[in-house]
Amino acid sequence: MIDKKQKILVELQQIFRNELEDSELILDYESSASNTDGWDSINNLMIISSIEEKFKMSFPIEVIFEAENVGDLIDYIEKKSGI
């Protein structure tokens, strides 16, 4: 059985693949802008926008700046979305 965090990770991976135009991209909880090709400040805006649309939520600016990796995004989404 897939847990909540894994379900969110699968959804995020698809968003990142679409936004970064990399159909083979594999994300994990430690994936970050510093270790993921193409994830720069411009693409980050598009990624966050797509995540907000998918999960029908908004990220406060401090969450966007303080999130260090995909795991931090997953934790916030899980907490706020009630998935």
PDB file of N, CA and C in Angstrom:
ATOM      1  N   MET A   1       0.843  -1.191   0.000  1.00  0.00           N
ATOM      2  CA  MET A   1       0.000   0.000   0.000  1.00  0.00           C
ATOM      3  C   MET A   1       0.886   1.253   0.000  1.00  0.00           C
ATOM      4  N   ILE A   2       0.513   2.192  -0.814  1.00  0.00           N
ATOM      5  CA  ILE A   2       1.276   3.434  -0.946  1.00  0.00           C
ATOM      6  C   ILE A   2       0.851   4.406   0.160  1.00  0.00           C
ATOM      7  N   ASP A   3       1.826   4.989   0.849  1.00  0.00           N
ATOM      8  CA  ASP A   3       1.475   5.925   1.915  1.00  0.00           C
ATOM      9  C   ASP A   3       1.264   7.327   1.344  1.00  0.00           C
ATOM     10  N   LYS A   4       0.814   8.229   2.198  1.00  0.00           N
ATOM     11  CA  LYS A   4       0.475   9.591   1.760  1.00  0.00           C
ATOM     12  C   LYS A   4       1.675  10.310   1.165  1.00  0.00           C
ATOM     13  N   LYS A   5       2.793  10.230   1.838  1.00  0.00           N
ATOM     14  CA  LYS A   5       3.987  10.923   1.351  1.00  0.00           C
ATOM     15  C   LYS A   5       4.430  10.376  -0.007  1.00  0.00           C
ATOM     16  N   GLN A   6       4.362   9.088  -0.176  1.00  0.00           N
ATOM     17  CA  GLN A   6       4.750   8.484  -1.456  1.00  0.00           C
ATOM     18  C   GLN A   6       3.783   8.907  -2.561  1.00  0.00           C
ATOM     19  N   LYS A   7       2.507   8.993  -2.243  1.00  0.00           N
ATOM     20  CA  LYS A   7       1.507   9.440  -3.219  1.00  0.00           C
ATOM     21  C   LYS A   7       1.807  10.873  -3.662  1.00  0.00           C
ATOM     22  N   ILE A   8       2.128  11.734  -2.718  1.00  0.00           N
ATOM     23  CA  ILE A   8       2.471  13.126  -3.044  1.00  0.00           C
ATOM     24  C   ILE A   8       3.749  13.158  -3.888  1.00  0.00           C
ATOM     25  N   LEU A   9       4.740  12.350  -3.536  1.00  0.00           N
ATOM     26  CA  LEU A   9       5.993  12.302  -4.291  1.00  0.00           C
ATOM     27  C   LEU A   9       5.734  11.928  -5.750  1.00  0.00           C
ATOM     28  N   VAL A  10       4.870  10.961  -5.980  1.00  0.00           N
ATOM     29  CA  VAL A  10       4.533  10.552  -7.350  1.00  0.00           C
ATOM     30  C   VAL A  10       3.917  11.721  -8.114  1.00  0.00           C
ATOM     31  N   GLU A  11       3.021  12.444  -7.467  1.00  0.00           N
ATOM     32  CA  GLU A  11       2.391  13.615  -8.107  1.00  0.00           C
ATOM     33  C   GLU A  11       3.435  14.703  -8.388  1.00  0.00           C
ATOM     34  N   LEU A  12       4.304  14.966  -7.419  1.00  0.00           N
ATOM     35  CA  LEU A  12       5.337  15.984  -7.611  1.00  0.00           C
ATOM     36  C   LEU A  12       6.302  15.599  -8.721  1.00  0.00           C
ATOM     37  N   GLN A  13       6.647  14.330  -8.790  1.00  0.00           N
ATOM     38  CA  GLN A  13       7.566  13.885  -9.836  1.00  0.00           C
ATOM     39  C   GLN A  13       6.992  14.202 -11.215  1.00  0.00           C
ATOM     40  N   GLN A  14       5.701  13.988 -11.400  1.00  0.00           N
ATOM     41  CA  GLN A  14       5.086  14.293 -12.687  1.00  0.00           C
ATOM     42  C   GLN A  14       5.119  15.796 -12.978  1.00  0.00           C
ATOM     43  N   ILE A  15       4.848  16.604 -11.959  1.00  0.00           N
ATOM     44  CA  ILE A  15       4.912  18.062 -12.126  1.00  0.00           C
ATOM     45  C   ILE A  15       6.333  18.485 -12.515  1.00  0.00           C
ATOM     46  N   PHE A  16       7.327  17.986 -11.799  1.00  0.00           N
ATOM     47  CA  PHE A  16       8.712  18.337 -12.096  1.00  0.00           C
ATOM     48  C   PHE A  16       9.109  17.871 -13.496  1.00  0.00           C
ATOM     49  N   ARG A  17       8.695  16.670 -13.889  1.00  0.00           N
ATOM     50  CA  ARG A  17       9.001  16.173 -15.235  1.00  0.00           C
ATOM     51  C   ARG A  17       8.420  17.103 -16.290  1.00  0.00           C
ATOM     52  N   ASN A  18       7.176  17.542 -16.079  1.00  0.00           N
ATOM     53  CA  ASN A  18       6.534  18.446 -17.038  1.00  0.00           C
ATOM     54  C   ASN A  18       7.239  19.798 -17.084  1.00  0.00           C
ATOM     55  N   GLU A  19       7.460  20.397 -15.926  1.00  0.00           N
ATOM     56  CA  GLU A  19       8.035  21.743 -15.877  1.00  0.00           C
ATOM     57  C   GLU A  19       9.498  21.785 -16.316  1.00  0.00           C
ATOM     58  N   LEU A  20      10.245  20.745 -16.010  1.00  0.00           N
ATOM     59  CA  LEU A  20      11.665  20.718 -16.370  1.00  0.00           C
ATOM     60  C   LEU A  20      11.901  20.012 -17.708  1.00  0.00           C
ATOM     61  N   GLU A  21      10.811  19.565 -18.332  1.00  0.00           N
ATOM     62  CA  GLU A  21      10.866  18.891 -19.625  1.00  0.00           C
ATOM     63  C   GLU A  21      11.878  17.745 -19.619  1.00  0.00           C
ATOM     64  N   ASP A  22      11.742  16.895 -18.596  1.00  0.00           N
ATOM     65  CA  ASP A  22      12.625  15.743 -18.439  1.00  0.00           C
ATOM     66  C   ASP A  22      11.771  14.546 -18.028  1.00  0.00           C
ATOM     67  N   SER A  23      11.362  13.760 -19.022  1.00  0.00           N
ATOM     68  CA  SER A  23      10.442  12.644 -18.770  1.00  0.00           C
ATOM     69  C   SER A  23      11.069  11.507 -17.974  1.00  0.00           C
ATOM     70  N   GLU A  24      12.374  11.547 -17.764  1.00  0.00           N
ATOM     71  CA  GLU A  24      13.063  10.481 -17.038  1.00  0.00           C
ATOM     72  C   GLU A  24      13.494  10.893 -15.632  1.00  0.00           C
ATOM     73  N   LEU A  25      13.165  12.120 -15.241  1.00  0.00           N
ATOM     74  CA  LEU A  25      13.560  12.638 -13.934  1.00  0.00           C
ATOM     75  C   LEU A  25      12.979  11.784 -12.811  1.00  0.00           C
ATOM     76  N   ILE A  26      13.831  11.425 -11.875  1.00  0.00           N
ATOM     77  CA  ILE A  26      13.415  10.675 -10.689  1.00  0.00           C
ATOM     78  C   ILE A  26      13.671  11.557  -9.468  1.00  0.00           C
ATOM     79  N   LEU A  27      12.608  11.849  -8.731  1.00  0.00           N
ATOM     80  CA  LEU A  27      12.722  12.640  -7.507  1.00  0.00           C
ATOM     81  C   LEU A  27      12.745  11.733  -6.297  1.00  0.00           C
ATOM     82  N   ASP A  28      13.388  12.204  -5.246  1.00  0.00           N
ATOM     83  CA  ASP A  28      13.263  11.584  -3.934  1.00  0.00           C
ATOM     84  C   ASP A  28      13.147  12.701  -2.910  1.00  0.00           C
ATOM     85  N   TYR A  29      13.052  12.344  -1.660  1.00  0.00           N
ATOM     86  CA  TYR A  29      12.837  13.340  -0.606  1.00  0.00           C
ATOM     87  C   TYR A  29      13.984  14.340  -0.491  1.00  0.00           C
ATOM     88  N   GLU A  30      15.170  13.943  -0.919  1.00  0.00           N
ATOM     89  CA  GLU A  30      16.345  14.802  -0.807  1.00  0.00           C
ATOM     90  C   GLU A  30      16.606  15.623  -2.068  1.00  0.00           C
ATOM     91  N   SER A  31      15.805  15.444  -3.107  1.00  0.00           N
ATOM     92  CA  SER A  31      15.991  16.224  -4.338  1.00  0.00           C
ATOM     93  C   SER A  31      15.834  17.706  -4.027  1.00  0.00           C
ATOM     94  N   SER A  32      16.746  18.501  -4.598  1.00  0.00           N
ATOM     95  CA  SER A  32      16.718  19.946  -4.366  1.00  0.00           C
ATOM     96  C   SER A  32      17.215  20.656  -5.624  1.00  0.00           C
ATOM     97  N   ALA A  33      17.131  21.971  -5.609  1.00  0.00           N
ATOM     98  CA  ALA A  33      17.612  22.750  -6.751  1.00  0.00           C
ATOM     99  C   ALA A  33      19.100  22.516  -6.982  1.00  0.00           C
ATOM    100  N   SER A  34      19.839  22.253  -5.919  1.00  0.00           N
ATOM    101  CA  SER A  34      21.285  22.073  -6.067  1.00  0.00           C
ATOM    102  C   SER A  34      21.675  20.719  -6.650  1.00  0.00           C
ATOM    103  N   ASN A  35      20.779  19.734  -6.628  1.00  0.00           N
ATOM    104  CA  ASN A  35      21.137  18.420  -7.165  1.00  0.00           C
ATOM    105  C   ASN A  35      20.180  17.916  -8.251  1.00  0.00           C
ATOM    106  N   THR A  36      19.336  18.810  -8.784  1.00  0.00           N
ATOM    107  CA  THR A  36      18.386  18.439  -9.829  1.00  0.00           C
ATOM    108  C   THR A  36      18.588  19.347 -11.038  1.00  0.00           C
ATOM    109  N   ASP A  37      19.013  18.761 -12.142  1.00  0.00           N
ATOM    110  CA  ASP A  37      19.281  19.537 -13.361  1.00  0.00           C
ATOM    111  C   ASP A  37      18.041  20.306 -13.799  1.00  0.00           C
ATOM    112  N   GLY A  38      18.236  21.580 -14.095  1.00  0.00           N
ATOM    113  CA  GLY A  38      17.166  22.413 -14.618  1.00  0.00           C
ATOM    114  C   GLY A  38      16.322  23.117 -13.581  1.00  0.00           C
ATOM    115  N   TRP A  39      16.453  22.729 -12.315  1.00  0.00           N
ATOM    116  CA  TRP A  39      15.643  23.336 -11.265  1.00  0.00           C
ATOM    117  C   TRP A  39      16.348  24.611 -10.799  1.00  0.00           C
ATOM    118  N   ASP A  40      15.985  25.706 -11.429  1.00  0.00           N
ATOM    119  CA  ASP A  40      16.572  26.988 -11.078  1.00  0.00           C
ATOM    120  C   ASP A  40      15.473  27.917 -10.562  1.00  0.00           C
ATOM    121  N   SER A  41      15.817  29.159 -10.290  1.00  0.00           N
ATOM    122  CA  SER A  41      14.845  30.075  -9.686  1.00  0.00           C
ATOM    123  C   SER A  41      13.662  30.360 -10.603  1.00  0.00           C
ATOM    124  N   ILE A  42      13.887  30.423 -11.897  1.00  0.00           N
ATOM    125  CA  ILE A  42      12.792  30.660 -12.835  1.00  0.00           C
ATOM    126  C   ILE A  42      11.863  29.449 -12.873  1.00  0.00           C
ATOM    127  N   ASN A  43      12.441  28.271 -13.037  1.00  0.00           N
ATOM    128  CA  ASN A  43      11.620  27.060 -13.067  1.00  0.00           C
ATOM    129  C   ASN A  43      10.935  26.811 -11.736  1.00  0.00           C
ATOM    130  N   ASN A  44      11.554  27.252 -10.647  1.00  0.00           N
ATOM    131  CA  ASN A  44      10.942  27.066  -9.331  1.00  0.00           C
ATOM    132  C   ASN A  44       9.577  27.747  -9.263  1.00  0.00           C
ATOM    133  N   LEU A  45       9.463  28.924  -9.864  1.00  0.00           N
ATOM    134  CA  LEU A  45       8.175  29.630  -9.887  1.00  0.00           C
ATOM    135  C   LEU A  45       7.120  28.808 -10.614  1.00  0.00           C
ATOM    136  N   MET A  46       7.493  28.217 -11.723  1.00  0.00           N
ATOM    137  CA  MET A  46       6.548  27.403 -12.496  1.00  0.00           C
ATOM    138  C   MET A  46       6.189  26.117 -11.732  1.00  0.00           C
ATOM    139  N   ILE A  47       7.177  25.526 -11.093  1.00  0.00           N
ATOM    140  CA  ILE A  47       6.944  24.306 -10.312  1.00  0.00           C
ATOM    141  C   ILE A  47       5.972  24.587  -9.169  1.00  0.00           C
ATOM    142  N   ILE A  48       6.237  25.644  -8.407  1.00  0.00           N
ATOM    143  CA  ILE A  48       5.371  25.983  -7.273  1.00  0.00           C
ATOM    144  C   ILE A  48       3.958  26.285  -7.756  1.00  0.00           C
ATOM    145  N   SER A  49       3.843  27.029  -8.849  1.00  0.00           N
ATOM    146  CA  SER A  49       2.528  27.348  -9.406  1.00  0.00           C
ATOM    147  C   SER A  49       1.765  26.078  -9.791  1.00  0.00           C
ATOM    148  N   SER A  50       2.447  25.147 -10.412  1.00  0.00           N
ATOM    149  CA  SER A  50       1.813  23.884 -10.808  1.00  0.00           C
ATOM    150  C   SER A  50       1.421  23.043  -9.594  1.00  0.00           C
ATOM    151  N   ILE A  51       2.261  23.045  -8.573  1.00  0.00           N
ATOM    152  CA  ILE A  51       1.938  22.313  -7.335  1.00  0.00           C
ATOM    153  C   ILE A  51       0.700  22.928  -6.683  1.00  0.00           C
ATOM    154  N   GLU A  52       0.674  24.251  -6.617  1.00  0.00           N
ATOM    155  CA  GLU A  52      -0.480  24.928  -6.013  1.00  0.00           C
ATOM    156  C   GLU A  52      -1.764  24.596  -6.770  1.00  0.00           C
ATOM    157  N   GLU A  53      -1.687  24.574  -8.078  1.00  0.00           N
ATOM    158  CA  GLU A  53      -2.862  24.250  -8.884  1.00  0.00           C
ATOM    159  C   GLU A  53      -3.292  22.801  -8.667  1.00  0.00           C
ATOM    160  N   LYS A  54      -2.349  21.883  -8.685  1.00  0.00           N
ATOM    161  CA  LYS A  54      -2.648  20.449  -8.525  1.00  0.00           C
ATOM    162  C   LYS A  54      -3.279  20.151  -7.167  1.00  0.00           C
ATOM    163  N   PHE A  55      -2.729  20.751  -6.117  1.00  0.00           N
ATOM    164  CA  PHE A  55      -3.183  20.438  -4.765  1.00  0.00           C
ATOM    165  C   PHE A  55      -4.173  21.469  -4.218  1.00  0.00           C
ATOM    166  N   LYS A  56      -4.548  22.435  -5.056  1.00  0.00           N
ATOM    167  CA  LYS A  56      -5.543  23.454  -4.691  1.00  0.00           C
ATOM    168  C   LYS A  56      -5.186  24.138  -3.370  1.00  0.00           C
ATOM    169  N   MET A  57      -3.954  24.662  -3.346  1.00  0.00           N
ATOM    170  CA  MET A  57      -3.453  25.331  -2.151  1.00  0.00           C
ATOM    171  C   MET A  57      -2.472  26.418  -2.550  1.00  0.00           C
ATOM    172  N   SER A  58      -2.147  27.280  -1.611  1.00  0.00           N
ATOM    173  CA  SER A  58      -1.120  28.296  -1.822  1.00  0.00           C
ATOM    174  C   SER A  58       0.007  28.080  -0.822  1.00  0.00           C
ATOM    175  N   PHE A  59       1.212  28.301  -1.297  1.00  0.00           N
ATOM    176  CA  PHE A  59       2.365  28.236  -0.420  1.00  0.00           C
ATOM    177  C   PHE A  59       2.673  29.635   0.083  1.00  0.00           C
ATOM    178  N   PRO A  60       2.743  29.832   1.389  1.00  0.00           N
ATOM    179  CA  PRO A  60       3.217  31.127   1.900  1.00  0.00           C
ATOM    180  C   PRO A  60       4.652  31.343   1.425  1.00  0.00           C
ATOM    181  N   ILE A  61       5.010  32.579   1.209  1.00  0.00           N
ATOM    182  CA  ILE A  61       6.335  32.905   0.680  1.00  0.00           C
ATOM    183  C   ILE A  61       7.449  32.332   1.553  1.00  0.00           C
ATOM    184  N   GLU A  62       7.252  32.317   2.870  1.00  0.00           N
ATOM    185  CA  GLU A  62       8.304  31.785   3.749  1.00  0.00           C
ATOM    186  C   GLU A  62       8.501  30.286   3.543  1.00  0.00           C
ATOM    187  N   VAL A  63       7.439  29.561   3.228  1.00  0.00           N
ATOM    188  CA  VAL A  63       7.572  28.122   2.964  1.00  0.00           C
ATOM    189  C   VAL A  63       8.373  27.908   1.682  1.00  0.00           C
ATOM    190  N   ILE A  64       8.094  28.715   0.668  1.00  0.00           N
ATOM    191  CA  ILE A  64       8.818  28.602  -0.597  1.00  0.00           C
ATOM    192  C   ILE A  64      10.305  28.833  -0.380  1.00  0.00           C
ATOM    193  N   PHE A  65      10.666  29.863   0.392  1.00  0.00           N
ATOM    194  CA  PHE A  65      12.077  30.186   0.602  1.00  0.00           C
ATOM    195  C   PHE A  65      12.771  29.262   1.592  1.00  0.00           C
ATOM    196  N   GLU A  66      12.031  28.705   2.534  1.00  0.00           N
ATOM    197  CA  GLU A  66      12.644  27.863   3.561  1.00  0.00           C
ATOM    198  C   GLU A  66      12.722  26.393   3.178  1.00  0.00           C
ATOM    199  N   ALA A  67      11.916  25.962   2.212  1.00  0.00           N
ATOM    200  CA  ALA A  67      11.954  24.557   1.791  1.00  0.00           C
ATOM    201  C   ALA A  67      13.311  24.255   1.174  1.00  0.00           C
ATOM    202  N   GLU A  68      13.979  23.266   1.719  1.00  0.00           N
ATOM    203  CA  GLU A  68      15.313  22.923   1.243  1.00  0.00           C
ATOM    204  C   GLU A  68      15.309  21.817   0.204  1.00  0.00           C
ATOM    205  N   ASN A  69      14.226  21.028   0.181  1.00  0.00           N
ATOM    206  CA  ASN A  69      14.188  19.898  -0.738  1.00  0.00           C
ATOM    207  C   ASN A  69      12.738  19.443  -0.961  1.00  0.00           C
ATOM    208  N   VAL A  70      12.581  18.446  -1.779  1.00  0.00           N
ATOM    209  CA  VAL A  70      11.257  17.920  -2.091  1.00  0.00           C
ATOM    210  C   VAL A  70      10.574  17.387  -0.832  1.00  0.00           C
ATOM    211  N   GLY A  71      11.326  16.815   0.073  1.00  0.00           N
ATOM    212  CA  GLY A  71      10.754  16.313   1.321  1.00  0.00           C
ATOM    213  C   GLY A  71      10.051  17.405   2.112  1.00  0.00           C
ATOM    214  N   ASP A  72      10.631  18.605   2.143  1.00  0.00           N
ATOM    215  CA  ASP A  72       9.994  19.727   2.841  1.00  0.00           C
ATOM    216  C   ASP A  72       8.680  20.105   2.168  1.00  0.00           C
ATOM    217  N   LEU A  73       8.660  20.082   0.834  1.00  0.00           N
ATOM    218  CA  LEU A  73       7.417  20.374   0.111  1.00  0.00           C
ATOM    219  C   LEU A  73       6.363  19.321   0.409  1.00  0.00           C
ATOM    220  N   ILE A  74       6.770  18.063   0.418  1.00  0.00           N
ATOM    221  CA  ILE A  74       5.842  16.966   0.712  1.00  0.00           C
ATOM    222  C   ILE A  74       5.255  17.125   2.113  1.00  0.00           C
ATOM    223  N   ASP A  75       6.096  17.424   3.086  1.00  0.00           N
ATOM    224  CA  ASP A  75       5.613  17.603   4.462  1.00  0.00           C
ATOM    225  C   ASP A  75       4.565  18.708   4.535  1.00  0.00           C
ATOM    226  N   TYR A  76       4.824  19.824   3.859  1.00  0.00           N
ATOM    227  CA  TYR A  76       3.870  20.938   3.883  1.00  0.00           C
ATOM    228  C   TYR A  76       2.573  20.553   3.182  1.00  0.00           C
ATOM    229  N   ILE A  77       2.667  19.936   2.032  1.00  0.00           N
ATOM    230  CA  ILE A  77       1.464  19.534   1.287  1.00  0.00           C
ATOM    231  C   ILE A  77       0.640  18.556   2.121  1.00  0.00           C
ATOM    232  N   GLU A  78       1.289  17.595   2.719  1.00  0.00           N
ATOM    233  CA  GLU A  78       0.571  16.599   3.528  1.00  0.00           C
ATOM    234  C   GLU A  78      -0.148  17.274   4.697  1.00  0.00           C
ATOM    235  N   LYS A  79       0.535  18.199   5.347  1.00  0.00           N
ATOM    236  CA  LYS A  79      -0.032  18.893   6.500  1.00  0.00           C
ATOM    237  C   LYS A  79      -1.245  19.739   6.100  1.00  0.00           C
ATOM    238  N   LYS A  80      -1.154  20.427   4.977  1.00  0.00           N
ATOM    239  CA  LYS A  80      -2.187  21.390   4.589  1.00  0.00           C
ATOM    240  C   LYS A  80      -3.319  20.798   3.737  1.00  0.00           C
ATOM    241  N   SER A  81      -3.054  19.708   3.032  1.00  0.00           N
ATOM    242  CA  SER A  81      -4.051  19.212   2.089  1.00  0.00           C
ATOM    243  C   SER A  81      -4.968  18.151   2.672  1.00  0.00           C
ATOM    244  N   GLY A  82      -4.557  17.537   3.747  1.00  0.00           N
ATOM    245  CA  GLY A  82      -5.384  16.485   4.333  1.00  0.00           C
ATOM    246  C   GLY A  82      -5.472  15.242   3.456  1.00  0.00           C
ATOM    247  N   ILE A  83      -4.458  15.038   2.633  1.00  0.00           N
ATOM    248  CA  ILE A  83      -4.437  13.853   1.748  1.00  0.00           C
ATOM    249  C   ILE A  83      -4.300  12.606   2.596  1.00  0.00           C
TER     250      ILE A  83
END
